[in-house]
PDB file of N, CA and C in Angstrom:
ATOM      1  N   MET A   1      84.484 116.352 101.506  1.00  0.00           N
ATOM      2  CA  MET A   1      85.090 115.780 102.685  1.00  0.00           C
ATOM      3  C   MET A   1      85.507 117.030 103.568  1.00  0.00           C
ATOM      4  N   ALA A   2      85.201 116.931 104.765  1.00  0.00           N
ATOM      5  CA  ALA A   2      85.509 118.031 105.694  1.00  0.00           C
ATOM      6  C   ALA A   2      87.028 118.017 105.978  1.00  0.00           C
ATOM      7  N   GLN A   3      87.587 119.142 106.303  1.00  0.00           N
ATOM      8  CA  GLN A   3      88.952 119.310 106.737  1.00  0.00           C
ATOM      9  C   GLN A   3      89.082 119.932 108.061  1.00  0.00           C
ATOM     10  N   TRP A   4      90.013 119.358 108.845  1.00  0.00           N
ATOM     11  CA  TRP A   4      90.291 119.789 110.209  1.00  0.00           C
ATOM     12  C   TRP A   4      91.761 119.984 110.446  1.00  0.00           C
ATOM     13  N   SER A   5      92.238 121.093 110.902  1.00  0.00           N
ATOM     14  CA  SER A   5      93.597 121.222 111.259  1.00  0.00           C
ATOM     15  C   SER A   5      93.990 120.285 112.379  1.00  0.00           C
ATOM     16  N   LEU A   6      95.169 119.827 112.451  1.00  0.00           N
ATOM     17  CA  LEU A   6      95.441 118.912 113.484  1.00  0.00           C
ATOM     18  C   LEU A   6      95.182 119.429 114.951  1.00  0.00           C
ATOM     19  N   GLN A   7      95.562 120.710 115.161  1.00  0.00           N
ATOM     20  CA  GLN A   7      95.193 121.320 116.478  1.00  0.00           C
ATOM     21  C   GLN A   7      93.695 121.403 116.655  1.00  0.00           C
ATOM     22  N   ASN A   8      92.875 121.669 115.666  1.00  0.00           N
ATOM     23  CA  ASN A   8      91.466 121.786 115.799  1.00  0.00           C
ATOM     24  C   ASN A   8      90.845 120.423 115.995  1.00  0.00           C
ATOM     25  N   ALA A   9      91.483 119.479 115.339  1.00  0.00           N
ATOM     26  CA  ALA A   9      90.942 118.117 115.488  1.00  0.00           C
ATOM     27  C   ALA A   9      91.185 117.511 116.895  1.00  0.00           C
ATOM     28  N   LYS A  10      92.363 117.912 117.425  1.00  0.00           N
ATOM     29  CA  LYS A  10      92.602 117.515 118.816  1.00  0.00           C
ATOM     30  C   LYS A  10      91.702 118.181 119.773  1.00  0.00           C
ATOM     31  N   THR A  11      91.496 119.451 119.573  1.00  0.00           N
ATOM     32  CA  THR A  11      90.565 120.166 120.455  1.00  0.00           C
ATOM     33  C   THR A  11      89.098 119.635 120.421  1.00  0.00           C
ATOM     34  N   HIS A  12      88.709 119.322 119.170  1.00  0.00           N
ATOM     35  CA  HIS A  12      87.285 118.797 118.984  1.00  0.00           C
ATOM     36  C   HIS A  12      87.249 117.460 118.524  1.00  0.00           C
ATOM     37  N   PHE A  13      87.997 116.638 119.109  1.00  0.00           N
ATOM     38  CA  PHE A  13      88.091 115.224 118.669  1.00  0.00           C
ATOM     39  C   PHE A  13      86.715 114.440 118.663  1.00  0.00           C
ATOM     40  N   SER A  14      85.912 114.702 119.680  1.00  0.00           N
ATOM     41  CA  SER A  14      84.631 114.027 119.764  1.00  0.00           C
ATOM     42  C   SER A  14      83.696 114.437 118.530  1.00  0.00           C
ATOM     43  N   GLU A  15      83.797 115.770 118.120  1.00  0.00           N
ATOM     44  CA  GLU A  15      83.094 116.189 116.938  1.00  0.00           C
ATOM     45  C   GLU A  15      83.637 115.572 115.766  1.00  0.00           C
ATOM     46  N   VAL A  16      84.884 115.450 115.634  1.00  0.00           N
ATOM     47  CA  VAL A  16      85.494 114.823 114.436  1.00  0.00           C
ATOM     48  C   VAL A  16      85.069 113.382 114.272  1.00  0.00           C
ATOM     49  N   VAL A  17      85.098 112.708 115.421  1.00  0.00           N
ATOM     50  CA  VAL A  17      84.650 111.302 115.392  1.00  0.00           C
ATOM     51  C   VAL A  17      83.056 111.192 114.930  1.00  0.00           C
ATOM     52  N   THR A  18      82.356 112.048 115.623  1.00  0.00           N
ATOM     53  CA  THR A  18      80.906 112.045 115.173  1.00  0.00           C
ATOM     54  C   THR A  18      80.788 112.468 113.628  1.00  0.00           C
ATOM     55  N   ALA A  19      81.441 113.302 113.177  1.00  0.00           N
ATOM     56  CA  ALA A  19      81.358 113.698 111.745  1.00  0.00           C
ATOM     57  C   ALA A  19      81.904 112.554 110.919  1.00  0.00           C
ATOM     58  N   ALA A  20      82.760 111.818 111.273  1.00  0.00           N
ATOM     59  CA  ALA A  20      83.337 110.634 110.547  1.00  0.00           C
ATOM     60  C   ALA A  20      82.420 109.565 110.347  1.00  0.00           C
ATOM     61  N   ARG A  21      81.401 109.510 111.180  1.00  0.00           N
ATOM     62  CA  ARG A  21      80.387 108.494 111.137  1.00  0.00           C
ATOM     63  C   ARG A  21      79.501 108.685 109.841  1.00  0.00           C
ATOM     64  N   ARG A  22      79.437 110.012 109.458  1.00  0.00           N
ATOM     65  CA  ARG A  22      78.668 110.361 108.255  1.00  0.00           C
ATOM     66  C   ARG A  22      79.520 110.474 107.074  1.00  0.00           C
ATOM     67  N   ALA A  23      80.727 110.910 107.171  1.00  0.00           N
ATOM     68  CA  ALA A  23      81.592 111.109 105.892  1.00  0.00           C
ATOM     69  C   ALA A  23      83.094 111.082 106.449  1.00  0.00           C
ATOM     70  N   PRO A  24      83.956 110.759 105.545  1.00  0.00           N
ATOM     71  CA  PRO A  24      85.424 110.849 105.923  1.00  0.00           C
ATOM     72  C   PRO A  24      85.830 112.215 106.282  1.00  0.00           C
ATOM     73  N   GLN A  25      86.778 112.370 107.225  1.00  0.00           N
ATOM     74  CA  GLN A  25      87.227 113.643 107.645  1.00  0.00           C
ATOM     75  C   GLN A  25      88.718 113.745 107.434  1.00  0.00           C
ATOM     76  N   THR A  26      89.172 114.731 106.796  1.00  0.00           N
ATOM     77  CA  THR A  26      90.575 114.957 106.544  1.00  0.00           C
ATOM     78  C   THR A  26      91.173 115.778 107.586  1.00  0.00           C
ATOM     79  N   ILE A  27      92.385 115.336 108.036  1.00  0.00           N
ATOM     80  CA  ILE A  27      93.062 116.086 109.062  1.00  0.00           C
ATOM     81  C   ILE A  27      94.408 116.624 108.455  1.00  0.00           C
ATOM     82  N   THR A  28      94.583 117.856 108.546  1.00  0.00           N
ATOM     83  CA  THR A  28      95.756 118.572 107.934  1.00  0.00           C
ATOM     84  C   THR A  28      96.792 118.947 108.950  1.00  0.00           C
ATOM     85  N   LYS A  29      98.103 119.108 108.459  1.00  0.00           N
ATOM     86  CA  LYS A  29      99.099 119.677 109.304  1.00  0.00           C
ATOM     87  C   LYS A  29      99.836 120.652 108.502  1.00  0.00           C
ATOM     88  N   ARG A  30      99.856 121.921 108.868  1.00  0.00           N
ATOM     89  CA  ARG A  30     100.486 123.043 108.090  1.00  0.00           C
ATOM     90  C   ARG A  30      99.773 123.047 106.690  1.00  0.00           C
ATOM     91  N   GLY A  31      98.517 122.782 106.637  1.00  0.00           N
ATOM     92  CA  GLY A  31      97.686 122.969 105.350  1.00  0.00           C
ATOM     93  C   GLY A  31      97.843 121.779 104.499  1.00  0.00           C
ATOM     94  N   LYS A  32      98.647 120.822 104.813  1.00  0.00           N
ATOM     95  CA  LYS A  32      98.714 119.590 103.918  1.00  0.00           C
ATOM     96  C   LYS A  32      98.012 118.414 104.628  1.00  0.00           C
ATOM     97  N   PRO A  33      97.226 117.669 103.786  1.00  0.00           N
ATOM     98  CA  PRO A  33      96.475 116.432 104.336  1.00  0.00           C
ATOM     99  C   PRO A  33      97.540 115.510 104.943  1.00  0.00           C
ATOM    100  N   VAL A  34      97.233 114.976 106.098  1.00  0.00           N
ATOM    101  CA  VAL A  34      98.176 113.998 106.716  1.00  0.00           C
ATOM    102  C   VAL A  34      97.446 112.689 107.262  1.00  0.00           C
ATOM    103  N   ALA A  35      96.130 112.823 107.246  1.00  0.00           N
ATOM    104  CA  ALA A  35      95.388 111.675 107.748  1.00  0.00           C
ATOM    105  C   ALA A  35      93.883 111.799 107.449  1.00  0.00           C
ATOM    106  N   VAL A  36      93.127 110.675 107.353  1.00  0.00           N
ATOM    107  CA  VAL A  36      91.742 110.732 107.125  1.00  0.00           C
ATOM    108  C   VAL A  36      91.138 109.743 108.065  1.00  0.00           C
ATOM    109  N   LEU A  37      90.023 110.292 108.763  1.00  0.00           N
ATOM    110  CA  LEU A  37      89.346 109.461 109.686  1.00  0.00           C
ATOM    111  C   LEU A  37      88.021 109.038 109.055  1.00  0.00           C
ATOM    112  N   VAL A  38      87.823 107.691 108.993  1.00  0.00           N
ATOM    113  CA  VAL A  38      86.654 107.199 108.474  1.00  0.00           C
ATOM    114  C   VAL A  38      85.913 106.347 109.372  1.00  0.00           C
ATOM    115  N   ASN A  39      84.657 106.048 109.222  1.00  0.00           N
ATOM    116  CA  ASN A  39      83.818 105.041 110.103  1.00  0.00           C
ATOM    117  C   ASN A  39      84.352 103.714 109.855  1.00  0.00           C
ATOM    118  N   VAL A  40      84.066 102.874 110.845  1.00  0.00           N
ATOM    119  CA  VAL A  40      84.578 101.537 110.977  1.00  0.00           C
ATOM    120  C   VAL A  40      84.033 100.694 109.708  1.00  0.00           C
ATOM    121  N   GLU A  41      82.827 100.881 109.370  1.00  0.00           N
ATOM    122  CA  GLU A  41      82.162 100.148 108.260  1.00  0.00           C
ATOM    123  C   GLU A  41      82.969 100.382 106.956  1.00  0.00           C
ATOM    124  N   LEU A  42      83.222 101.611 106.618  1.00  0.00           N
ATOM    125  CA  LEU A  42      84.032 101.938 105.458  1.00  0.00           C
ATOM    126  C   LEU A  42      85.393 101.430 105.478  1.00  0.00           C
ATOM    127  N   PHE A  43      85.931 101.524 106.651  1.00  0.00           N
ATOM    128  CA  PHE A  43      87.404 101.050 106.758  1.00  0.00           C
ATOM    129  C   PHE A  43      87.442  99.559 106.513  1.00  0.00           C
ATOM    130  N   GLU A  44      86.468  98.769 107.111  1.00  0.00           N
ATOM    131  CA  GLU A  44      86.604  97.323 106.964  1.00  0.00           C
ATOM    132  C   GLU A  44      86.172  96.830 105.594  1.00  0.00           C
ATOM    133  N   ARG A  45      85.320  97.573 104.984  1.00  0.00           N
ATOM    134  CA  ARG A  45      84.950  97.267 103.534  1.00  0.00           C
ATOM    135  C   ARG A  45      86.109  97.483 102.643  1.00  0.00           C
ATOM    136  N   GLN A  46      86.860  98.615 102.839  1.00  0.00           N
ATOM    137  CA  GLN A  46      88.136  98.778 101.987  1.00  0.00           C
ATOM    138  C   GLN A  46      89.233  97.939 102.305  1.00  0.00           C
ATOM    139  N   PHE A  47      89.303  97.693 103.646  1.00  0.00           N
ATOM    140  CA  PHE A  47      90.453  96.748 104.069  1.00  0.00           C
ATOM    141  C   PHE A  47      90.279  95.269 103.624  1.00  0.00           C
ATOM    142  N   ARG A  48      88.918  94.871 103.657  1.00  0.00           N
ATOM    143  CA  ARG A  48      88.712  93.518 103.269  1.00  0.00           C
ATOM    144  C   ARG A  48      88.856  93.411 101.716  1.00  0.00           C
ATOM    145  N   LYS A  49      88.424  94.436 100.990  1.00  0.00           N
ATOM    146  CA  LYS A  49      88.563  94.404  99.495  1.00  0.00           C
ATOM    147  C   LYS A  49      90.014  94.311  99.146  1.00  0.00           C
ATOM    148  N   ARG A  50      90.890  95.169  99.849  1.00  0.00           N
ATOM    149  CA  ARG A  50      92.223  95.255  99.594  1.00  0.00           C
ATOM    150  C   ARG A  50      93.022  93.832  99.862  1.00  0.00           C
ATOM    151  N   ARG A  51      92.535  93.225 101.045  1.00  0.00           N
ATOM    152  CA  ARG A  51      93.166  91.989 101.369  1.00  0.00           C
ATOM    153  C   ARG A  51      92.832  90.876 100.368  1.00  0.00           C
ATOM    154  N   ALA A  52      91.476  90.877  99.973  1.00  0.00           N
ATOM    155  CA  ALA A  52      90.971  89.867  98.987  1.00  0.00           C
ATOM    156  C   ALA A  52      91.705  90.148  97.628  1.00  0.00           C
ATOM    157  N   THR A  53      91.910  91.346  97.210  1.00  0.00           N
ATOM    158  CA  THR A  53      92.641  91.608  96.005  1.00  0.00           C
ATOM    159  C   THR A  53      94.151  91.207  96.156  1.00  0.00           C
ATOM    160  N   LYS A  54      94.810  91.519  97.267  1.00  0.00           N
ATOM    161  CA  LYS A  54      96.186  91.132  97.449  1.00  0.00           C
ATOM    162  C   LYS A  54      96.354  89.580  97.492  1.00  0.00           C
ATOM    163  N   ALA A  55      95.476  88.936  98.282  1.00  0.00           N
ATOM    164  CA  ALA A  55      95.542  87.528  98.359  1.00  0.00           C
ATOM    165  C   ALA A  55      95.367  86.803  96.981  1.00  0.00           C
ATOM    166  N   GLY A  56      94.481  87.394  96.212  1.00  0.00           N
ATOM    167  CA  GLY A  56      94.199  86.783  94.817  1.00  0.00           C
ATOM    168  C   GLY A  56      95.318  86.849  93.902  1.00  0.00           C
ATOM    169  N   LYS A  57      96.297  87.827  94.167  1.00  0.00           N
ATOM    170  CA  LYS A  57      97.436  88.059  93.349  1.00  0.00           C
ATOM    171  C   LYS A  57      98.739  87.320  93.808  1.00  0.00           C
ATOM    172  N   GLN A  58      98.672  86.872  95.065  1.00  0.00           N
ATOM    173  CA  GLN A  58      99.873  86.226  95.565  1.00  0.00           C
ATOM    174  C   GLN A  58      99.977  84.812  94.985  1.00  0.00           C
ATOM    175  N   ARG A  59     101.298  84.463  94.639  1.00  0.00           N
ATOM    176  CA  ARG A  59     101.592  83.177  94.188  1.00  0.00           C
ATOM    177  C   ARG A  59     102.318  82.318  95.320  1.00  0.00           C
ATOM    178  N   SER A  60     102.266  81.076  95.151  1.00  0.00           N
ATOM    179  CA  SER A  60     102.938  80.241  95.984  1.00  0.00           C
ATOM    180  C   SER A  60     104.360  80.270  95.527  1.00  0.00           C
ATOM    181  N   PHE A  61     105.289  79.773  96.389  1.00  0.00           N
ATOM    182  CA  PHE A  61     106.730  79.788  96.146  1.00  0.00           C
ATOM    183  C   PHE A  61     106.993  78.914  94.953  1.00  0.00           C
ATOM    184  N   VAL A  62     106.322  77.783  94.877  1.00  0.00           N
ATOM    185  CA  VAL A  62     106.538  76.883  93.718  1.00  0.00           C
ATOM    186  C   VAL A  62     106.131  77.599  92.391  1.00  0.00           C
ATOM    187  N   GLU A  63     104.980  78.330  92.501  1.00  0.00           N
ATOM    188  CA  GLU A  63     104.497  78.968  91.220  1.00  0.00           C
ATOM    189  C   GLU A  63     105.515  80.059  90.819  1.00  0.00           C
ATOM    190  N   HIS A  64     106.044  80.732  91.858  1.00  0.00           N
ATOM    191  CA  HIS A  64     107.100  81.685  91.491  1.00  0.00           C
ATOM    192  C   HIS A  64     108.295  81.118  90.841  1.00  0.00           C
ATOM    193  N   LEU A  65     108.822  79.945  91.444  1.00  0.00           N
ATOM    194  CA  LEU A  65     109.952  79.362  90.849  1.00  0.00           C
ATOM    195  C   LEU A  65     109.575  78.906  89.347  1.00  0.00           C
ATOM    196  N   LEU A  66     108.501  78.294  89.253  1.00  0.00           N
ATOM    197  CA  LEU A  66     108.130  77.868  87.864  1.00  0.00           C
ATOM    198  C   LEU A  66     107.986  78.927  86.856  1.00  0.00           C
ATOM    199  N   SER A  67     107.669  80.210  87.299  1.00  0.00           N
ATOM    200  CA  SER A  67     107.547  81.313  86.303  1.00  0.00           C
ATOM    201  C   SER A  67     108.831  81.942  85.981  1.00  0.00           C
ATOM    202  N   MET A  68     109.919  81.458  86.534  1.00  0.00           N
ATOM    203  CA  MET A  68     111.307  81.990  86.072  1.00  0.00           C
ATOM    204  C   MET A  68     111.575  81.609  84.775  1.00  0.00           C
ATOM    205  N   PRO A  69     112.522  82.299  83.989  1.00  0.00           N
ATOM    206  CA  PRO A  69     112.933  82.014  82.708  1.00  0.00           C
ATOM    207  C   PRO A  69     113.560  80.641  82.703  1.00  0.00           C
ATOM    208  N   LYS A  70     113.217  79.834  81.605  1.00  0.00           N
ATOM    209  CA  LYS A  70     113.840  78.502  81.484  1.00  0.00           C
ATOM    210  C   LYS A  70     115.300  78.545  80.970  1.00  0.00           C
ATOM    211  N   GLY A  71     116.055  77.470  81.021  1.00  0.00           N
ATOM    212  CA  GLY A  71     117.492  77.479  80.635  1.00  0.00           C
ATOM    213  C   GLY A  71     117.731  78.087  79.211  1.00  0.00           C
ATOM    214  N   GLY A  72     116.853  77.742  78.223  1.00  0.00           N
ATOM    215  CA  GLY A  72     117.138  78.249  76.903  1.00  0.00           C
ATOM    216  C   GLY A  72     116.577  79.723  76.718  1.00  0.00           C
ATOM    217  N   ASP A  73     115.863  80.186  77.588  1.00  0.00           N
ATOM    218  CA  ASP A  73     115.206  81.495  77.530  1.00  0.00           C
ATOM    219  C   ASP A  73     116.084  82.601  77.830  1.00  0.00           C
ATOM    220  N   PHE A  74     117.106  82.370  78.694  1.00  0.00           N
ATOM    221  CA  PHE A  74     117.852  83.525  79.166  1.00  0.00           C
ATOM    222  C   PHE A  74     119.265  82.955  79.534  1.00  0.00           C
ATOM    223  N   ASP A  75     120.320  83.745  79.126  1.00  0.00           N
ATOM    224  CA  ASP A  75     121.698  83.437  79.534  1.00  0.00           C
ATOM    225  C   ASP A  75     122.131  84.051  80.785  1.00  0.00           C
ATOM    226  N   PHE A  76     122.521  83.237  81.658  1.00  0.00           N
ATOM    227  CA  PHE A  76     123.080  83.811  82.985  1.00  0.00           C
ATOM    228  C   PHE A  76     124.575  83.919  82.791  1.00  0.00           C
ATOM    229  N   GLU A  77     125.006  85.037  83.172  1.00  0.00           N
ATOM    230  CA  GLU A  77     126.489  85.332  83.126  1.00  0.00           C
ATOM    231  C   GLU A  77     127.134  84.869  84.376  1.00  0.00           C
ATOM    232  N   ARG A  78     128.168  84.093  84.343  1.00  0.00           N
ATOM    233  CA  ARG A  78     128.787  83.587  85.627  1.00  0.00           C
ATOM    234  C   ARG A  78     129.662  84.703  86.156  1.00  0.00           C
ATOM    235  N   ALA A  79     129.634  84.854  87.448  1.00  0.00           N
ATOM    236  CA  ALA A  79     130.458  85.903  88.080  1.00  0.00           C
ATOM    237  C   ALA A  79     131.887  85.512  88.106  1.00  0.00           C
ATOM    238  N   PRO A  80     132.800  86.393  87.870  1.00  0.00           N
ATOM    239  CA  PRO A  80     134.280  86.074  87.775  1.00  0.00           C
ATOM    240  C   PRO A  80     134.934  85.813  89.076  1.00  0.00           C
ATOM    241  N   ASN A  81     134.154  85.707  90.167  1.00  0.00           N
ATOM    242  CA  ASN A  81     134.731  85.491  91.529  1.00  0.00           C
ATOM    243  C   ASN A  81     135.363  84.153  91.749  1.00  0.00           C
ATOM    244  N   LYS A  82     136.484  84.051  92.367  1.00  0.00           N
ATOM    245  CA  LYS A  82     137.076  82.840  92.596  1.00  0.00           C
ATOM    246  C   LYS A  82     136.887  82.481  94.013  1.00  0.00           C
ATOM    247  N   PRO A  83     136.886  81.078  94.347  1.00  0.00           N
ATOM    248  CA  PRO A  83     136.639  80.732  95.712  1.00  0.00           C
ATOM    249  C   PRO A  83     137.779  81.231  96.665  1.00  0.00           C
ATOM    250  N   ARG A  84     137.473  81.403  97.929  1.00  0.00           N
ATOM    251  CA  ARG A  84     138.530  81.784  98.790  1.00  0.00           C
ATOM    252  C   ARG A  84     139.351  80.686  99.238  1.00  0.00           C
ATOM    253  N   ASP A  85     140.598  80.943  99.715  1.00  0.00           N
ATOM    254  CA  ASP A  85     141.471  79.843 100.179  1.00  0.00           C
ATOM    255  C   ASP A  85     141.042  79.514 101.711  1.00  0.00           C
ATOM    256  N   ILE A  86     140.975  78.293 102.029  1.00  0.00           N
ATOM    257  CA  ILE A  86     140.581  77.941 103.335  1.00  0.00           C
ATOM    258  C   ILE A  86     141.821  77.125 103.943  1.00  0.00           C
ATOM    259  N   ASP A  87     142.167  77.566 105.122  1.00  0.00           N
ATOM    260  CA  ASP A  87     143.308  76.804 105.975  1.00  0.00           C
ATOM    261  C   ASP A  87     142.619  75.686 106.639  1.00  0.00           C
ATOM    262  N   LEU A  88     143.160  74.602 106.458  1.00  0.00           N
ATOM    263  CA  LEU A  88     142.633  73.368 107.256  1.00  0.00           C
ATOM    264  C   LEU A  88     143.651  72.935 108.297  1.00  0.00           C
TER     265      LEU A  88
END
């Protein structure tokens, strides 16, 4: 993967974009990687894969509630707070 300093990438942005069509391009700032420029096809492939994986792991709210411990499985300790006084 080619590396470009931020200043160099700004100066030669057109070249960086052209190179990114062939392979991902790393952009560095003060010698540390801060960004990667990739072609659209690679980005969409990875983004779609991530969304599909994430969507497959999401549960509905009902499934979330049903997965909670049942009454006999866990003891909940009641908070020692007392209700506040209300002036009517």
